[in-house]
Protein backbone atom coordinates (compact mmCIF):
# COMPACT_ATOMS: atom_id res chain seq x y z
CA MET A 1 34.69 -49.31 118.68
CA MET A 2 33.93 -52.96 119.18
CA ASP A 3 35.37 -54.53 122.29
CA ARG A 4 36.40 -58.12 122.88
CA GLN A 5 32.92 -59.04 124.15
CA ASP A 6 31.30 -57.85 120.91
CA ILE A 7 33.80 -59.86 118.89
CA ASP A 8 33.06 -62.93 121.03
CA LYS A 9 29.32 -62.56 120.38
CA ILE A 10 29.84 -62.33 116.62
CA ALA A 11 32.19 -65.32 116.69
CA LEU A 12 29.59 -67.34 118.62
CA ARG A 13 26.94 -66.47 116.05
CA LEU A 14 29.22 -67.58 113.24
CA VAL A 15 30.04 -70.83 115.05
CA SER A 16 26.32 -71.51 115.58
CA LEU A 17 25.93 -71.57 111.79
CA VAL A 18 28.38 -74.45 111.47
CA PRO A 19 26.64 -77.83 110.98
CA PRO A 20 26.44 -80.03 114.09
CA GLY A 21 28.50 -82.76 112.40
CA VAL A 22 31.63 -80.70 112.95
CA ALA A 23 30.91 -79.94 116.60
CA GLN A 24 34.45 -80.89 117.63
CA ALA A 25 35.73 -78.05 115.47
CA HIS A 26 33.48 -75.43 117.08
CA GLN A 27 36.09 -74.21 119.57
CA ASP A 28 38.77 -73.99 116.88
CA LEU A 29 36.39 -72.15 114.58
CA ARG A 30 35.35 -69.80 117.36
CA THR A 31 38.97 -68.95 118.12
CA ASN A 32 39.73 -68.46 114.44
CA PHE A 33 36.65 -66.28 113.92
CA GLN A 34 37.63 -64.15 116.92
CA ASP A 35 41.17 -63.69 115.63
CA VAL A 36 40.05 -62.83 112.10
CA LEU A 37 37.44 -60.35 113.35
CA ALA A 38 39.89 -58.71 115.76
CA GLN A 39 42.56 -58.37 113.06
CA GLY A 40 40.08 -56.93 110.58
CA LEU A 41 38.84 -54.35 113.06
CA ARG A 42 42.38 -53.32 114.01
CA ARG A 43 43.12 -52.58 110.34
CA LEU A 44 40.18 -50.21 110.07
CA ASP A 45 40.84 -46.56 110.79
CA LEU A 46 38.18 -46.14 113.48
CA VAL A 47 37.75 -43.56 116.19
CA THR A 48 35.85 -43.75 119.43
CA ARG A 49 32.49 -42.03 119.83
CA GLU A 50 34.16 -39.59 122.24
CA GLU A 51 36.84 -38.65 119.70
CA PHE A 52 34.14 -38.23 117.05
CA GLU A 53 32.09 -35.94 119.31
CA VAL A 54 35.13 -33.81 120.16
CA GLN A 55 36.00 -33.38 116.48
CA SER A 56 32.36 -32.57 115.67
CA GLN A 57 32.43 -29.80 118.26
CA VAL A 58 35.73 -28.45 116.89
CA LEU A 59 34.25 -28.48 113.39
CA ALA A 60 31.10 -26.66 114.56
CA ARG A 61 33.19 -23.96 116.26
CA THR A 62 35.38 -23.60 113.17
CA ARG A 63 32.31 -23.34 110.92
CA ALA A 64 30.87 -20.62 113.18
CA LYS A 65 34.16 -18.68 113.01
CA VAL A 66 34.27 -18.99 109.21
CA ASP A 67 30.67 -17.80 108.95
CA GLU A 68 31.44 -14.79 111.16
CA LEU A 69 34.57 -13.94 109.15
CA GLU A 70 32.63 -14.20 105.89
CA ARG A 71 30.01 -11.83 107.31
CA ARG A 72 32.70 -9.35 108.41
CA VAL A 73 34.45 -9.48 105.03
CA ALA A 74 31.15 -8.84 103.25
CA GLU A 75 30.54 -5.80 105.50
CA LEU A 76 34.03 -4.46 104.84
CA GLU A 77 33.64 -4.98 101.10
CA ALA A 78 30.32 -3.15 101.20
CA THR A 79 31.93 -0.27 103.12
CA VAL A 80 34.81 -0.03 100.65
CA ALA A 81 32.42 -0.16 97.70
CA ALA A 82 30.25 2.57 99.24
CA ARG A 83 33.28 4.83 99.80
CA ALA A 84 34.54 4.22 96.26
CA GLY A 85 31.15 5.13 94.85
CA GLN A 86 31.07 8.53 96.57
């Protein structure tokens, strides 16, 4: 997730786009940009890279278990079908 330093960098870039004639407003704009960006990011439902990686690993393990169970069920169904056909 973005930290305060990243937000500051974005706010500085936005402030640099403001015409020089309103230089006295730069600090106010910077503060406002930082606040708006921080509030917007807090509203997003974001997870950290670490949380994402953990959930990816859980999903991979779950998928492997499902694949194994599907294989076992297919074997059991084949065994039952073979016995019923005798």
